[in-house]
PDB file of N, CA and C in Angstrom:
ATOM      1  N   MET A   1       0.850  -1.183   0.000  1.00  0.00           N
ATOM      2  CA  MET A   1       0.000   0.000   0.000  1.00  0.00           C
ATOM      3  C   MET A   1       0.891   1.240   0.000  1.00  0.00           C
ATOM      4  N   ASN A   2       0.606   2.146  -0.899  1.00  0.00           N
ATOM      5  CA  ASN A   2       1.280   3.435  -0.880  1.00  0.00           C
ATOM      6  C   ASN A   2       0.885   4.132   0.410  1.00  0.00           C
ATOM      7  N   GLN A   3       1.874   4.621   1.129  1.00  0.00           N
ATOM      8  CA  GLN A   3       1.619   5.126   2.480  1.00  0.00           C
ATOM      9  C   GLN A   3       0.485   6.134   2.607  1.00  0.00           C
ATOM     10  N   ASN A   4       0.396   7.101   1.730  1.00  0.00           N
ATOM     11  CA  ASN A   4      -0.614   8.139   1.901  1.00  0.00           C
ATOM     12  C   ASN A   4      -1.721   8.113   0.867  1.00  0.00           C
ATOM     13  N   GLU A   5      -1.631   7.237  -0.105  1.00  0.00           N
ATOM     14  CA  GLU A   5      -2.576   7.215  -1.213  1.00  0.00           C
ATOM     15  C   GLU A   5      -4.027   7.113  -0.745  1.00  0.00           C
ATOM     16  N   TRP A   6      -4.291   6.238   0.204  1.00  0.00           N
ATOM     17  CA  TRP A   6      -5.657   6.028   0.680  1.00  0.00           C
ATOM     18  C   TRP A   6      -6.251   7.287   1.301  1.00  0.00           C
ATOM     19  N   MET A   7      -5.398   8.144   1.860  1.00  0.00           N
ATOM     20  CA  MET A   7      -5.883   9.354   2.526  1.00  0.00           C
ATOM     21  C   MET A   7      -6.453  10.370   1.531  1.00  0.00           C
ATOM     22  N   ASN A   8      -6.138  10.206   0.252  1.00  0.00           N
ATOM     23  CA  ASN A   8      -6.641  11.112  -0.782  1.00  0.00           C
ATOM     24  C   ASN A   8      -7.847  10.550  -1.523  1.00  0.00           C
ATOM     25  N   ASP A   9      -8.313   9.388  -1.101  1.00  0.00           N
ATOM     26  CA  ASP A   9      -9.461   8.768  -1.749  1.00  0.00           C
ATOM     27  C   ASP A   9     -10.714   9.609  -1.479  1.00  0.00           C
ATOM     28  N   PRO A  10     -11.561   9.785  -2.490  1.00  0.00           N
ATOM     29  CA  PRO A  10     -12.802  10.555  -2.293  1.00  0.00           C
ATOM     30  C   PRO A  10     -13.698  10.003  -1.178  1.00  0.00           C
ATOM     31  N   LEU A  11     -13.607   8.715  -0.899  1.00  0.00           N
ATOM     32  CA  LEU A  11     -14.414   8.127   0.174  1.00  0.00           C
ATOM     33  C   LEU A  11     -14.161   8.808   1.517  1.00  0.00           C
ATOM     34  N   VAL A  12     -12.917   9.193   1.773  1.00  0.00           N
ATOM     35  CA  VAL A  12     -12.569   9.754   3.084  1.00  0.00           C
ATOM     36  C   VAL A  12     -12.449  11.280   3.065  1.00  0.00           C
ATOM     37  N   ALA A  13     -12.897  11.904   1.992  1.00  0.00           N
ATOM     38  CA  ALA A  13     -12.757  13.355   1.845  1.00  0.00           C
ATOM     39  C   ALA A  13     -13.445  14.146   2.960  1.00  0.00           C
ATOM     40  N   ASN A  14     -14.500  13.591   3.539  1.00  0.00           N
ATOM     41  CA  ASN A  14     -15.241  14.318   4.578  1.00  0.00           C
ATOM     42  C   ASN A  14     -14.806  13.980   6.000  1.00  0.00           C
ATOM     43  N   ILE A  15     -13.744  13.209   6.125  1.00  0.00           N
ATOM     44  CA  ILE A  15     -13.245  12.848   7.451  1.00  0.00           C
ATOM     45  C   ILE A  15     -12.067  13.759   7.792  1.00  0.00           C
ATOM     46  N   ASP A  16     -12.063  14.257   9.000  1.00  0.00           N
ATOM     47  CA  ASP A  16     -11.024  15.172   9.482  1.00  0.00           C
ATOM     48  C   ASP A  16      -9.632  14.631   9.167  1.00  0.00           C
ATOM     49  N   LYS A  17      -8.794  15.458   8.574  1.00  0.00           N
ATOM     50  CA  LYS A  17      -7.433  15.044   8.191  1.00  0.00           C
ATOM     51  C   LYS A  17      -6.606  14.634   9.405  1.00  0.00           C
ATOM     52  N   ALA A  18      -6.858  15.231  10.559  1.00  0.00           N
ATOM     53  CA  ALA A  18      -6.129  14.852  11.781  1.00  0.00           C
ATOM     54  C   ALA A  18      -6.444  13.395  12.143  1.00  0.00           C
ATOM     55  N   LYS A  19      -7.677  12.988  11.949  1.00  0.00           N
ATOM     56  CA  LYS A  19      -8.062  11.604  12.216  1.00  0.00           C
ATOM     57  C   LYS A  19      -7.365  10.659  11.244  1.00  0.00           C
ATOM     58  N   LEU A  20      -7.316  11.059   9.976  1.00  0.00           N
ATOM     59  CA  LEU A  20      -6.673  10.215   8.973  1.00  0.00           C
ATOM     60  C   LEU A  20      -5.175  10.099   9.247  1.00  0.00           C
ATOM     61  N   GLN A  21      -4.558  11.189   9.650  1.00  0.00           N
ATOM     62  CA  GLN A  21      -3.127  11.154   9.956  1.00  0.00           C
ATOM     63  C   GLN A  21      -2.863  10.278  11.178  1.00  0.00           C
ATOM     64  N   PHE A  22      -3.740  10.340  12.150  1.00  0.00           N
ATOM     65  CA  PHE A  22      -3.637   9.489  13.336  1.00  0.00           C
ATOM     66  C   PHE A  22      -3.659   8.021  12.919  1.00  0.00           C
ATOM     67  N   LEU A  23      -4.584   7.654  12.041  1.00  0.00           N
ATOM     68  CA  LEU A  23      -4.673   6.271  11.557  1.00  0.00           C
ATOM     69  C   LEU A  23      -3.443   5.887  10.743  1.00  0.00           C
ATOM     70  N   GLN A  24      -2.979   6.820   9.944  1.00  0.00           N
ATOM     71  CA  GLN A  24      -1.790   6.566   9.128  1.00  0.00           C
ATOM     72  C   GLN A  24      -0.622   6.178  10.027  1.00  0.00           C
ATOM     73  N   THR A  25      -0.448   6.919  11.080  1.00  0.00           N
ATOM     74  CA  THR A  25       0.625   6.634  12.032  1.00  0.00           C
ATOM     75  C   THR A  25       0.416   5.261  12.659  1.00  0.00           C
ATOM     76  N   LEU A  26      -0.791   4.985  13.066  1.00  0.00           N
ATOM     77  CA  LEU A  26      -1.122   3.702  13.683  1.00  0.00           C
ATOM     78  C   LEU A  26      -0.791   2.542  12.751  1.00  0.00           C
ATOM     79  N   VAL A  27      -1.238   2.622  11.524  1.00  0.00           N
ATOM     80  CA  VAL A  27      -1.041   1.532  10.573  1.00  0.00           C
ATOM     81  C   VAL A  27       0.435   1.282  10.302  1.00  0.00           C
ATOM     82  N   PHE A  28       1.176   2.337  10.052  1.00  0.00           N
ATOM     83  CA  PHE A  28       2.555   2.132   9.626  1.00  0.00           C
ATOM     84  C   PHE A  28       3.521   1.921  10.787  1.00  0.00           C
ATOM     85  N   GLU A  29       3.209   2.404  11.962  1.00  0.00           N
ATOM     86  CA  GLU A  29       4.063   2.125  13.112  1.00  0.00           C
ATOM     87  C   GLU A  29       3.852   0.703  13.620  1.00  0.00           C
ATOM     88  N   SER A  30       2.695   0.130  13.360  1.00  0.00           N
ATOM     89  CA  SER A  30       2.388  -1.202  13.872  1.00  0.00           C
ATOM     90  C   SER A  30       2.765  -2.316  12.900  1.00  0.00           C
ATOM     91  N   ARG A  31       3.185  -1.970  11.735  1.00  0.00           N
ATOM     92  CA  ARG A  31       3.435  -2.960  10.680  1.00  0.00           C
ATOM     93  C   ARG A  31       4.307  -4.135  11.089  1.00  0.00           C
ATOM     94  N   ASN A  32       5.398  -3.882  11.777  1.00  0.00           N
ATOM     95  CA  ASN A  32       6.361  -4.940  12.071  1.00  0.00           C
ATOM     96  C   ASN A  32       6.317  -5.435  13.512  1.00  0.00           C
ATOM     97  N   LEU A  33       5.250  -5.101  14.212  1.00  0.00           N
ATOM     98  CA  LEU A  33       5.140  -5.535  15.602  1.00  0.00           C
ATOM     99  C   LEU A  33       4.715  -6.998  15.683  1.00  0.00           C
ATOM    100  N   THR A  34       5.208  -7.664  16.717  1.00  0.00           N
ATOM    101  CA  THR A  34       4.774  -9.031  16.982  1.00  0.00           C
ATOM    102  C   THR A  34       3.418  -8.983  17.690  1.00  0.00           C
ATOM    103  N   LYS A  35       2.775 -10.122  17.812  1.00  0.00           N
ATOM    104  CA  LYS A  35       1.502 -10.182  18.537  1.00  0.00           C
ATOM    105  C   LYS A  35       1.670  -9.686  19.971  1.00  0.00           C
ATOM    106  N   GLU A  36       2.801 -10.018  20.573  1.00  0.00           N
ATOM    107  CA  GLU A  36       3.058  -9.620  21.966  1.00  0.00           C
ATOM    108  C   GLU A  36       3.235  -8.103  22.088  1.00  0.00           C
ATOM    109  N   GLN A  37       3.770  -7.483  21.075  1.00  0.00           N
ATOM    110  CA  GLN A  37       4.003  -6.035  21.105  1.00  0.00           C
ATOM    111  C   GLN A  37       2.746  -5.245  20.744  1.00  0.00           C
ATOM    112  N   MET A  38       1.807  -5.888  20.063  1.00  0.00           N
ATOM    113  CA  MET A  38       0.648  -5.180  19.531  1.00  0.00           C
ATOM    114  C   MET A  38      -0.256  -4.614  20.627  1.00  0.00           C
ATOM    115  N   LEU A  39      -0.568  -5.376  21.653  1.00  0.00           N
ATOM    116  CA  LEU A  39      -1.473  -4.896  22.690  1.00  0.00           C
ATOM    117  C   LEU A  39      -0.925  -3.654  23.399  1.00  0.00           C
ATOM    118  N   PRO A  40       0.329  -3.665  23.884  1.00  0.00           N
ATOM    119  CA  PRO A  40       0.846  -2.434  24.507  1.00  0.00           C
ATOM    120  C   PRO A  40       0.851  -1.252  23.528  1.00  0.00           C
ATOM    121  N   PHE A  41       1.159  -1.523  22.266  1.00  0.00           N
ATOM    122  CA  PHE A  41       1.156  -0.464  21.256  1.00  0.00           C
ATOM    123  C   PHE A  41      -0.250   0.114  21.099  1.00  0.00           C
ATOM    124  N   LEU A  42      -1.250  -0.745  20.974  1.00  0.00           N
ATOM    125  CA  LEU A  42      -2.618  -0.270  20.800  1.00  0.00           C
ATOM    126  C   LEU A  42      -3.123   0.487  22.028  1.00  0.00           C
ATOM    127  N   MET A  43      -2.724   0.047  23.206  1.00  0.00           N
ATOM    128  CA  MET A  43      -3.094   0.762  24.436  1.00  0.00           C
ATOM    129  C   MET A  43      -2.510   2.174  24.415  1.00  0.00           C
ATOM    130  N   SER A  44      -1.261   2.280  23.998  1.00  0.00           N
ATOM    131  CA  SER A  44      -0.592   3.576  23.903  1.00  0.00           C
ATOM    132  C   SER A  44      -1.287   4.466  22.879  1.00  0.00           C
ATOM    133  N   VAL A  45      -1.627   3.902  21.743  1.00  0.00           N
ATOM    134  CA  VAL A  45      -2.310   4.661  20.698  1.00  0.00           C
ATOM    135  C   VAL A  45      -3.675   5.133  21.189  1.00  0.00           C
ATOM    136  N   ALA A  46      -4.385   4.266  21.888  1.00  0.00           N
ATOM    137  CA  ALA A  46      -5.697   4.636  22.418  1.00  0.00           C
ATOM    138  C   ALA A  46      -5.578   5.815  23.380  1.00  0.00           C
ATOM    139  N   GLN A  47      -4.547   5.800  24.215  1.00  0.00           N
ATOM    140  CA  GLN A  47      -4.335   6.909  25.148  1.00  0.00           C
ATOM    141  C   GLN A  47      -4.014   8.202  24.397  1.00  0.00           C
ATOM    142  N   LYS A  48      -3.194   8.102  23.361  1.00  0.00           N
ATOM    143  CA  LYS A  48      -2.867   9.289  22.551  1.00  0.00           C
ATOM    144  C   LYS A  48      -4.120   9.831  21.877  1.00  0.00           C
ATOM    145  N   GLY A  49      -4.939   8.936  21.356  1.00  0.00           N
ATOM    146  CA  GLY A  49      -6.176   9.350  20.704  1.00  0.00           C
ATOM    147  C   GLY A  49      -7.112  10.045  21.674  1.00  0.00           C
ATOM    148  N   LYS A  50      -7.230   9.487  22.851  1.00  0.00           N
ATOM    149  CA  LYS A  50      -8.087  10.072  23.880  1.00  0.00           C
ATOM    150  C   LYS A  50      -7.583  11.458  24.276  1.00  0.00           C
ATOM    151  N   ALA A  51      -6.252  11.570  24.448  1.00  0.00           N
ATOM    152  CA  ALA A  51      -5.651  12.848  24.825  1.00  0.00           C
ATOM    153  C   ALA A  51      -5.855  13.904  23.742  1.00  0.00           C
ATOM    154  N   SER A  52      -5.935  13.458  22.503  1.00  0.00           N
ATOM    155  CA  SER A  52      -6.120  14.381  21.375  1.00  0.00           C
ATOM    156  C   SER A  52      -7.584  14.511  20.970  1.00  0.00           C
ATOM    157  N   ASN A  53      -8.478  13.918  21.752  1.00  0.00           N
ATOM    158  CA  ASN A  53      -9.911  13.924  21.454  1.00  0.00           C
ATOM    159  C   ASN A  53     -10.216  13.360  20.070  1.00  0.00           C
ATOM    160  N   ILE A  54      -9.508  12.302  19.701  1.00  0.00           N
ATOM    161  CA  ILE A  54      -9.739  11.651  18.419  1.00  0.00           C
ATOM    162  C   ILE A  54     -10.560  10.390  18.658  1.00  0.00           C
ATOM    163  N   SER A  55     -11.716  10.355  18.029  1.00  0.00           N
ATOM    164  CA  SER A  55     -12.556   9.168  18.085  1.00  0.00           C
ATOM    165  C   SER A  55     -13.261   9.034  16.744  1.00  0.00           C
ATOM    166  N   PHE A  56     -13.758   7.848  16.478  1.00  0.00           N
ATOM    167  CA  PHE A  56     -14.380   7.559  15.199  1.00  0.00           C
ATOM    168  C   PHE A  56     -15.751   6.947  15.431  1.00  0.00           C
ATOM    169  N   ASP A  57     -16.748   7.431  14.683  1.00  0.00           N
ATOM    170  CA  ASP A  57     -18.048   6.783  14.774  1.00  0.00           C
ATOM    171  C   ASP A  57     -18.061   5.585  13.811  1.00  0.00           C
ATOM    172  N   ASP A  58     -19.077   4.773  13.905  1.00  0.00           N
ATOM    173  CA  ASP A  58     -19.140   3.550  13.095  1.00  0.00           C
ATOM    174  C   ASP A  58     -19.093   3.838  11.598  1.00  0.00           C
ATOM    175  N   LYS A  59     -19.763   4.892  11.168  1.00  0.00           N
ATOM    176  CA  LYS A  59     -19.789   5.246   9.742  1.00  0.00           C
ATOM    177  C   LYS A  59     -18.382   5.627   9.271  1.00  0.00           C
ATOM    178  N   GLU A  60     -17.653   6.400  10.074  1.00  0.00           N
ATOM    179  CA  GLU A  60     -16.286   6.766   9.704  1.00  0.00           C
ATOM    180  C   GLU A  60     -15.404   5.524   9.599  1.00  0.00           C
ATOM    181  N   ILE A  61     -15.551   4.630  10.545  1.00  0.00           N
ATOM    182  CA  ILE A  61     -14.746   3.400  10.528  1.00  0.00           C
ATOM    183  C   ILE A  61     -15.034   2.599   9.265  1.00  0.00           C
ATOM    184  N   GLU A  62     -16.307   2.421   8.940  1.00  0.00           N
ATOM    185  CA  GLU A  62     -16.672   1.672   7.735  1.00  0.00           C
ATOM    186  C   GLU A  62     -16.095   2.320   6.482  1.00  0.00           C
ATOM    187  N   THR A  63     -16.184   3.634   6.393  1.00  0.00           N
ATOM    188  CA  THR A  63     -15.693   4.372   5.233  1.00  0.00           C
ATOM    189  C   THR A  63     -14.179   4.262   5.111  1.00  0.00           C
ATOM    190  N   ILE A  64     -13.484   4.415   6.219  1.00  0.00           N
ATOM    191  CA  ILE A  64     -12.026   4.323   6.220  1.00  0.00           C
ATOM    192  C   ILE A  64     -11.582   2.924   5.821  1.00  0.00           C
ATOM    193  N   VAL A  65     -12.222   1.916   6.376  1.00  0.00           N
ATOM    194  CA  VAL A  65     -11.864   0.528   6.055  1.00  0.00           C
ATOM    195  C   VAL A  65     -12.101   0.260   4.570  1.00  0.00           C
ATOM    196  N   GLU A  66     -13.193   0.762   4.045  1.00  0.00           N
ATOM    197  CA  GLU A  66     -13.470   0.584   2.620  1.00  0.00           C
ATOM    198  C   GLU A  66     -12.368   1.213   1.768  1.00  0.00           C
ATOM    199  N   ALA A  67     -11.939   2.411   2.126  1.00  0.00           N
ATOM    200  CA  ALA A  67     -10.863   3.078   1.392  1.00  0.00           C
ATOM    201  C   ALA A  67      -9.553   2.312   1.538  1.00  0.00           C
ATOM    202  N   LEU A  68      -9.235   1.869   2.751  1.00  0.00           N
ATOM    203  CA  LEU A  68      -7.993   1.128   2.970  1.00  0.00           C
ATOM    204  C   LEU A  68      -7.939  -0.148   2.133  1.00  0.00           C
ATOM    205  N   ARG A  69      -9.044  -0.839   2.048  1.00  0.00           N
ATOM    206  CA  ARG A  69      -9.088  -2.092   1.273  1.00  0.00           C
ATOM    207  C   ARG A  69      -8.724  -1.850  -0.196  1.00  0.00           C
ATOM    208  N   LYS A  70      -9.142  -0.714  -0.744  1.00  0.00           N
ATOM    209  CA  LYS A  70      -8.878  -0.413  -2.150  1.00  0.00           C
ATOM    210  C   LYS A  70      -7.384  -0.301  -2.450  1.00  0.00           C
ATOM    211  N   TYR A  71      -6.607   0.096  -1.453  1.00  0.00           N
ATOM    212  CA  TYR A  71      -5.187   0.369  -1.666  1.00  0.00           C
ATOM    213  C   TYR A  71      -4.272  -0.662  -1.010  1.00  0.00           C
ATOM    214  N   SER A  72      -4.842  -1.742  -0.524  1.00  0.00           N
ATOM    215  CA  SER A  72      -4.086  -2.740   0.232  1.00  0.00           C
ATOM    216  C   SER A  72      -3.785  -3.981  -0.599  1.00  0.00           C
ATOM    217  N   SER A  73      -2.709  -4.632  -0.200  1.00  0.00           N
ATOM    218  CA  SER A  73      -2.366  -5.926  -0.793  1.00  0.00           C
ATOM    219  C   SER A  73      -3.340  -6.977  -0.253  1.00  0.00           C
ATOM    220  N   PRO A  74      -3.405  -8.147  -0.879  1.00  0.00           N
ATOM    221  CA  PRO A  74      -4.286  -9.201  -0.341  1.00  0.00           C
ATOM    222  C   PRO A  74      -3.964  -9.549   1.118  1.00  0.00           C
ATOM    223  N   GLU A  75      -2.682  -9.536   1.484  1.00  0.00           N
ATOM    224  CA  GLU A  75      -2.295  -9.829   2.870  1.00  0.00           C
ATOM    225  C   GLU A  75      -2.808  -8.743   3.814  1.00  0.00           C
ATOM    226  N   GLU A  76      -2.711  -7.486   3.387  1.00  0.00           N
ATOM    227  CA  GLU A  76      -3.193  -6.377   4.217  1.00  0.00           C
ATOM    228  C   GLU A  76      -4.715  -6.426   4.351  1.00  0.00           C
ATOM    229  N   VAL A  77      -5.402  -6.763   3.268  1.00  0.00           N
ATOM    230  CA  VAL A  77      -6.867  -6.889   3.319  1.00  0.00           C
ATOM    231  C   VAL A  77      -7.262  -7.977   4.304  1.00  0.00           C
ATOM    232  N   ASP A  78      -6.518  -9.074   4.302  1.00  0.00           N
ATOM    233  CA  ASP A  78      -6.789 -10.159   5.241  1.00  0.00           C
ATOM    234  C   ASP A  78      -6.651  -9.675   6.683  1.00  0.00           C
ATOM    235  N   LYS A  79      -5.611  -8.910   6.970  1.00  0.00           N
ATOM    236  CA  LYS A  79      -5.421  -8.349   8.322  1.00  0.00           C
ATOM    237  C   LYS A  79      -6.571  -7.412   8.684  1.00  0.00           C
ATOM    238  N   ILE A  80      -6.956  -6.563   7.740  1.00  0.00           N
ATOM    239  CA  ILE A  80      -8.060  -5.627   7.972  1.00  0.00           C
ATOM    240  C   ILE A  80      -9.336  -6.403   8.289  1.00  0.00           C
ATOM    241  N   ASN A  81      -9.600  -7.434   7.506  1.00  0.00           N
ATOM    242  CA  ASN A  81     -10.811  -8.236   7.722  1.00  0.00           C
ATOM    243  C   ASN A  81     -10.803  -8.904   9.091  1.00  0.00           C
ATOM    244  N   LYS A  82      -9.645  -9.395   9.511  1.00  0.00           N
ATOM    245  CA  LYS A  82      -9.543 -10.017  10.842  1.00  0.00           C
ATOM    246  C   LYS A  82      -9.793  -8.992  11.944  1.00  0.00           C
ATOM    247  N   LEU A  83      -9.228  -7.795  11.796  1.00  0.00           N
ATOM    248  CA  LEU A  83      -9.449  -6.738  12.787  1.00  0.00           C
ATOM    249  C   LEU A  83     -10.924  -6.354  12.861  1.00  0.00           C
ATOM    250  N   MET A  84     -11.566  -6.252  11.709  1.00  0.00           N
ATOM    251  CA  MET A  84     -12.973  -5.881  11.690  1.00  0.00           C
ATOM    252  C   MET A  84     -13.850  -6.970  12.306  1.00  0.00           C
ATOM    253  N   ALA A  85     -13.472  -8.231  12.084  1.00  0.00           N
ATOM    254  CA  ALA A  85     -14.209  -9.337  12.697  1.00  0.00           C
ATOM    255  C   ALA A  85     -14.074  -9.296  14.213  1.00  0.00           C
ATOM    256  N   MET A  86     -12.874  -8.954  14.702  1.00  0.00           N
ATOM    257  CA  MET A  86     -12.646  -8.836  16.152  1.00  0.00           C
ATOM    258  C   MET A  86     -13.484  -7.682  16.707  1.00  0.00           C
ATOM    259  N   LYS A  87     -13.551  -6.580  15.988  1.00  0.00           N
ATOM    260  CA  LYS A  87     -14.311  -5.411  16.425  1.00  0.00           C
ATOM    261  C   LYS A  87     -15.790  -5.772  16.580  1.00  0.00           C
ATOM    262  N   LYS A  88     -16.321  -6.544  15.628  1.00  0.00           N
ATOM    263  CA  LYS A  88     -17.744  -6.902  15.665  1.00  0.00           C
ATOM    264  C   LYS A  88     -18.084  -7.787  16.859  1.00  0.00           C
ATOM    265  N   LYS A  89     -17.088  -8.545  17.339  1.00  0.00           N
ATOM    266  CA  LYS A  89     -17.329  -9.413  18.496  1.00  0.00           C
ATOM    267  C   LYS A  89     -17.452  -8.626  19.790  1.00  0.00           C
ATOM    268  N   HIS A  90     -16.926  -7.389  19.808  1.00  0.00           N
ATOM    269  CA  HIS A  90     -16.937  -6.596  21.046  1.00  0.00           C
ATOM    270  C   HIS A  90     -18.081  -5.647  21.110  1.00  0.00           C
TER     271      HIS A  90
END
């Protein structure tokens, strides 16, 4: 996936750029983490998001995921799908 290409997709044009940049950082900083490193990383990201008043409603999440899928490799799409399945369970 081209690092910033998805952020210019018309699907996400109405989403705050600060939110998109926050996600961009999350996606690319987490790329090479092991499963053991992922939970502490996500906890840290959640705290940063909270401190910056960054949150996403369900519609924004769906739209962002749709845009990300368009620019992702099959392996990345598989990861996205697994994350979304985990989200639905909670």
